[in-house]
C-alpha atoms as a PDB file:
ATOM      1  CA  GLN A   1       4.963 -41.592   3.656  1.00  0.00           C
ATOM      2  CA  GLU A   2       3.483 -41.023   0.216  1.00  0.00           C
ATOM      3  CA  THR A   3      -0.045 -40.940   1.654  1.00  0.00           C
ATOM      4  CA  GLY A   4       1.095 -38.303   4.168  1.00  0.00           C
ATOM      5  CA  SER A   5       2.550 -36.268   1.315  1.00  0.00           C
ATOM      6  CA  ILE A   6      -0.663 -36.370  -0.707  1.00  0.00           C
ATOM      7  CA  THR A   7      -2.745 -35.627   2.383  1.00  0.00           C
ATOM      8  CA  GLY A   8      -0.469 -32.710   3.237  1.00  0.00           C
ATOM      9  CA  ILE A   9      -0.708 -30.906  -0.074  1.00  0.00           C
ATOM     10  CA  VAL A  10      -4.441 -31.595  -0.516  1.00  0.00           C
ATOM     11  CA  SER A  11      -5.151 -30.396   3.032  1.00  0.00           C
ATOM     12  CA  GLY A  12      -3.022 -27.311   2.415  1.00  0.00           C
ATOM     13  CA  LEU A  13      -4.893 -26.539  -0.800  1.00  0.00           C
ATOM     14  CA  LYS A  14      -8.269 -26.965   0.908  1.00  0.00           C
ATOM     15  CA  HIS A  15      -7.536 -25.006   4.087  1.00  0.00           C
ATOM     16  CA  PRO A  16      -7.635 -21.411   2.740  1.00  0.00           C
ATOM     17  CA  VAL A  17     -10.995 -22.075   1.070  1.00  0.00           C
ATOM     18  CA  SER A  18     -12.509 -23.932   4.040  1.00  0.00           C
ATOM     19  CA  GLY A  19     -13.601 -20.849   5.960  1.00  0.00           C
ATOM     20  CA  MET A  20     -15.214 -17.652   4.767  1.00  0.00           C
ATOM     21  CA  ASP A  21     -12.858 -15.600   6.971  1.00  0.00           C
ATOM     22  CA  HIS A  22      -9.860 -16.959   5.072  1.00  0.00           C
ATOM     23  CA  VAL A  23     -11.522 -16.620   1.655  1.00  0.00           C
ATOM     24  CA  LEU A  24     -12.560 -12.998   2.213  1.00  0.00           C
ATOM     25  CA  ALA A  25      -9.180 -11.974   3.583  1.00  0.00           C
ATOM     26  CA  MET A  26      -7.287 -13.554   0.664  1.00  0.00           C
ATOM     27  CA  ILE A  27      -9.577 -12.140  -2.029  1.00  0.00           C
ATOM     28  CA  SER A  28      -9.355  -8.743  -0.307  1.00  0.00           C
ATOM     29  CA  VAL A  29      -5.582  -8.720  -0.715  1.00  0.00           C
ATOM     30  CA  GLY A  30      -6.028  -9.037  -4.471  1.00  0.00           C
ATOM     31  CA  LEU A  31      -8.827  -6.457  -4.568  1.00  0.00           C
ATOM     32  CA  TRP A  32      -6.780  -4.007  -2.547  1.00  0.00           C
ATOM     33  CA  GLY A  33      -3.710  -4.518  -4.743  1.00  0.00           C
ATOM     34  CA  ALA A  34      -5.757  -4.041  -7.917  1.00  0.00           C
ATOM     35  CA  GLN A  35      -7.235  -0.842  -6.519  1.00  0.00           C
ATOM     36  CA  LEU A  36      -3.798   0.545  -5.578  1.00  0.00           C
ATOM     37  CA  GLY A  37      -2.277  -0.404  -8.935  1.00  0.00           C
ATOM     38  CA  ALA A  38       1.370  -1.157  -9.670  1.00  0.00           C
ATOM     39  CA  PRO A  39       3.494  -2.151  -7.855  1.00  0.00           C
ATOM     40  CA  ALA A  40       1.058  -3.000  -5.000  1.00  0.00           C
ATOM     41  CA  VAL A  41      -1.024  -5.222  -7.275  1.00  0.00           C
ATOM     42  CA  TRP A  42       1.911  -7.676  -7.318  1.00  0.00           C
ATOM     43  CA  VAL A  43       3.740  -6.820  -4.078  1.00  0.00           C
ATOM     44  CA  LEU A  44       0.756  -7.437  -1.770  1.00  0.00           C
ATOM     45  CA  PRO A  45      -0.153 -10.895  -3.134  1.00  0.00           C
ATOM     46  CA  VAL A  46       3.516 -11.973  -3.032  1.00  0.00           C
ATOM     47  CA  ALA A  47       4.345 -10.521   0.384  1.00  0.00           C
ATOM     48  CA  PHE A  48       1.172 -11.797   2.053  1.00  0.00           C
ATOM     49  CA  PRO A  49       1.778 -15.551   1.551  1.00  0.00           C
ATOM     50  CA  MET A  50       5.494 -15.124   2.307  1.00  0.00           C
ATOM     51  CA  VAL A  51       4.769 -13.546   5.697  1.00  0.00           C
ATOM     52  CA  MET A  52       1.932 -16.025   6.192  1.00  0.00           C
ATOM     53  CA  ALA A  53       4.416 -18.860   5.589  1.00  0.00           C
ATOM     54  CA  VAL A  54       6.548 -17.431   8.423  1.00  0.00           C
ATOM     55  CA  GLY A  55       3.468 -17.550  10.654  1.00  0.00           C
ATOM     56  CA  GLY A  56       2.851 -21.112   9.466  1.00  0.00           C
ATOM     57  CA  MET A  57       6.373 -22.119  10.443  1.00  0.00           C
ATOM     58  CA  LEU A  58       5.820 -20.617  13.901  1.00  0.00           C
ATOM     59  CA  GLY A  59       2.658 -22.703  14.224  1.00  0.00           C
ATOM     60  CA  LEU A  60       4.375 -25.869  12.988  1.00  0.00           C
ATOM     61  CA  MET A  61       7.128 -25.318  15.554  1.00  0.00           C
ATOM     62  CA  GLY A  62       4.508 -25.003  18.291  1.00  0.00           C
ATOM     63  CA  ILE A  63       5.328 -21.368  19.084  1.00  0.00           C
ATOM     64  CA  ALA A  64       2.123 -19.914  20.509  1.00  0.00           C
ATOM     65  CA  LEU A  65       0.714 -16.576  19.445  1.00  0.00           C
ATOM     66  CA  PRO A  66      -2.154 -15.308  21.611  1.00  0.00           C
ATOM     67  CA  GLY A  67      -5.628 -14.748  20.184  1.00  0.00           C
ATOM     68  CA  ILE A  68      -5.219 -16.469  16.812  1.00  0.00           C
ATOM     69  CA  GLU A  69      -8.947 -16.791  15.994  1.00  0.00           C
ATOM     70  CA  ILE A  70      -9.500 -13.173  17.027  1.00  0.00           C
ATOM     71  CA  GLY A  71      -6.492 -12.179  14.915  1.00  0.00           C
ATOM     72  CA  ILE A  72      -7.982 -13.876  11.861  1.00  0.00           C
ATOM     73  CA  ALA A  73     -11.317 -12.072  12.305  1.00  0.00           C
ATOM     74  CA  VAL A  74      -9.617  -8.701  12.832  1.00  0.00           C
ATOM     75  CA  SER A  75      -7.482  -9.209   9.743  1.00  0.00           C
ATOM     76  CA  ALA A  76     -10.645  -9.507   7.641  1.00  0.00           C
ATOM     77  CA  LEU A  77     -11.694  -6.161   9.104  1.00  0.00           C
ATOM     78  CA  VAL A  78      -8.280  -4.440   8.996  1.00  0.00           C
ATOM     79  CA  LEU A  79      -6.453  -6.252   6.232  1.00  0.00           C
ATOM     80  CA  GLY A  80      -2.706  -6.643   6.285  1.00  0.00           C
ATOM     81  CA  SER A  81      -1.982  -6.096   9.973  1.00  0.00           C
ATOM     82  CA  MET A  82      -2.503  -9.681  11.046  1.00  0.00           C
ATOM     83  CA  VAL A  83      -0.837 -11.745   8.304  1.00  0.00           C
ATOM     84  CA  LEU A  84       1.144 -13.773  10.843  1.00  0.00           C
ATOM     85  CA  ALA A  85      -2.105 -14.854  12.489  1.00  0.00           C
ATOM     86  CA  HIS A  86      -3.279 -16.481   9.262  1.00  0.00           C
ATOM     87  CA  GLY A  87      -0.006 -18.268   8.749  1.00  0.00           C
ATOM     88  CA  HIS A  88       0.040 -19.452  12.345  1.00  0.00           C
ATOM     89  CA  ALA A  89      -3.467 -20.840  12.004  1.00  0.00           C
ATOM     90  CA  HIS A  90      -2.391 -22.765   8.917  1.00  0.00           C
ATOM     91  CA  GLY A  91       0.665 -24.123  10.690  1.00  0.00           C
ATOM     92  CA  THR A  92      -1.231 -25.261  13.779  1.00  0.00           C
ATOM     93  CA  GLU A  93      -3.989 -26.934  11.750  1.00  0.00           C
ATOM     94  CA  LEU A  94      -1.677 -29.366   9.973  1.00  0.00           C
ATOM     95  CA  PRO A  95      -3.577 -32.670   9.698  1.00  0.00           C
ATOM     96  CA  ALA A  96      -1.982 -35.617  11.497  1.00  0.00           C
ATOM     97  CA  GLY A  97       0.363 -37.602   9.282  1.00  0.00           C
ATOM     98  CA  SER A  98       0.714 -34.811   6.723  1.00  0.00           C
ATOM     99  CA  SER A  99       3.946 -33.339   5.445  1.00  0.00           C
ATOM    100  CA  GLY A 100       4.370 -29.841   6.893  1.00  0.00           C
ATOM    101  CA  LEU A 101       6.278 -28.709   3.814  1.00  0.00           C
ATOM    102  CA  LEU A 102       3.709 -29.989   1.325  1.00  0.00           C
ATOM    103  CA  TYR A 103       0.827 -28.672   3.431  1.00  0.00           C
ATOM    104  CA  SER A 104       2.521 -25.257   3.448  1.00  0.00           C
ATOM    105  CA  ILE A 105       3.061 -25.389  -0.310  1.00  0.00           C
ATOM    106  CA  GLY A 106      -0.625 -26.245  -0.735  1.00  0.00           C
ATOM    107  CA  PHE A 107      -1.930 -23.415   1.414  1.00  0.00           C
ATOM    108  CA  VAL A 108       0.395 -20.881  -0.216  1.00  0.00           C
ATOM    109  CA  MET A 109      -0.760 -22.033  -3.677  1.00  0.00           C
ATOM    110  CA  ALA A 110      -4.444 -21.805  -2.717  1.00  0.00           C
ATOM    111  CA  THR A 111      -3.839 -18.404  -1.135  1.00  0.00           C
ATOM    112  CA  GLY A 112      -2.168 -17.167  -4.326  1.00  0.00           C
ATOM    113  CA  THR A 113      -5.132 -18.402  -6.337  1.00  0.00           C
ATOM    114  CA  LEU A 114      -7.540 -16.466  -4.102  1.00  0.00           C
ATOM    115  CA  HIS A 115      -5.334 -13.372  -4.464  1.00  0.00           C
ATOM    116  CA  GLY A 116      -5.482 -13.791  -8.245  1.00  0.00           C
ATOM    117  CA  LEU A 117      -9.261 -13.982  -8.044  1.00  0.00           C
ATOM    118  CA  GLY A 118      -9.271 -10.750  -6.044  1.00  0.00           C
ATOM    119  CA  ILE A 119      -6.993  -9.050  -8.584  1.00  0.00           C
ATOM    120  CA  THR A 120      -9.261 -10.175 -11.420  1.00  0.00           C
ATOM    121  CA  MET A 121     -12.312  -8.880  -9.562  1.00  0.00           C
ATOM    122  CA  GLY A 122     -10.426  -5.659  -8.826  1.00  0.00           C
ATOM    123  CA  LEU A 123      -9.924  -4.936 -12.516  1.00  0.00           C
ATOM    124  CA  VAL A 124     -13.497  -3.607 -12.594  1.00  0.00           C
ATOM    125  CA  ASN A 125     -12.021  -0.614 -10.750  1.00  0.00           C
ATOM    126  CA  ARG A 126     -11.198   0.777 -14.197  1.00  0.00           C
ATOM    127  CA  TRP A 127     -14.872   1.574 -14.826  1.00  0.00           C
ATOM    128  CA  SER A 128     -16.916   4.114 -12.861  1.00  0.00           C
ATOM    129  CA  ARG A 129     -19.495   1.543 -11.732  1.00  0.00           C
ATOM    130  CA  GLY A 130     -16.672  -0.841 -10.961  1.00  0.00           C
ATOM    131  CA  ARG A 131     -15.307   1.591  -8.387  1.00  0.00           C
ATOM    132  CA  LEU A 132     -18.657   1.494  -6.632  1.00  0.00           C
ATOM    133  CA  ALA A 133     -18.615  -2.314  -6.737  1.00  0.00           C
ATOM    134  CA  ILE A 134     -15.130  -2.359  -5.175  1.00  0.00           C
ATOM    135  CA  ARG A 135     -16.277  -0.054  -2.373  1.00  0.00           C
ATOM    136  CA  ALA A 136     -19.332  -2.235  -1.785  1.00  0.00           C
ATOM    137  CA  ALA A 137     -17.129  -5.341  -1.685  1.00  0.00           C
ATOM    138  CA  GLY A 138     -14.852  -3.644   0.845  1.00  0.00           C
ATOM    139  CA  GLY A 139     -17.856  -2.787   2.986  1.00  0.00           C
ATOM    140  CA  MET A 140     -19.055  -6.390   2.832  1.00  0.00           C
ATOM    141  CA  VAL A 141     -15.636  -7.645   3.910  1.00  0.00           C
ATOM    142  CA  ALA A 142     -15.571  -5.193   6.826  1.00  0.00           C
ATOM    143  CA  LEU A 143     -19.073  -6.257   7.907  1.00  0.00           C
ATOM    144  CA  SER A 144     -17.991  -9.876   7.652  1.00  0.00           C
ATOM    145  CA  GLY A 145     -15.043  -9.106   9.922  1.00  0.00           C
ATOM    146  CA  VAL A 146     -17.454  -7.657  12.487  1.00  0.00           C
ATOM    147  CA  PHE A 147     -19.600 -10.797  12.180  1.00  0.00           C
ATOM    148  CA  PHE A 148     -16.551 -13.045  12.679  1.00  0.00           C
ATOM    149  CA  LEU A 149     -15.617 -11.111  15.822  1.00  0.00           C
ATOM    150  CA  LEU A 150     -19.171 -11.272  17.179  1.00  0.00           C
ATOM    151  CA  ARG A 151     -19.252 -15.009  16.533  1.00  0.00           C
ATOM    152  CA  ILE A 152     -16.125 -15.429  18.656  1.00  0.00           C
ATOM    153  CA  PHE A 153     -17.368 -13.350  21.580  1.00  0.00           C
ATOM    154  CA  VAL A 154     -21.102 -14.122  21.578  1.00  0.00           C
END
């Protein structure tokens, strides 16, 4: 049981950083919040993993949501509308023998860390050249979302 617990939390911590689609979406939440300012800078990074955890529970319970991989790619393109898709993906990718609770704790912690990174990066928005950098980063995320979608369909 202890091995399953360790595996669960380590797997949960690794999952959000294991794919560029997840990394970009999570950092984007922090960037977006930093750009919007208070209270969004804190509300978005708190609400996102909470709703994602609901999606994770749905996945752990085996409740199917159609088009999960497509939903993840679209969420990188249109952030915020597909939070349940990310959570569901986390819940359905629980490694065998892992604790669902500890895995969920791990992926929420890693997600929060990526949000914090996005917020930190978003602080450059305070400077005129920083605003340009934020816009460029947003464009890169959107292009990545298009790439993720093309990869699914082509």
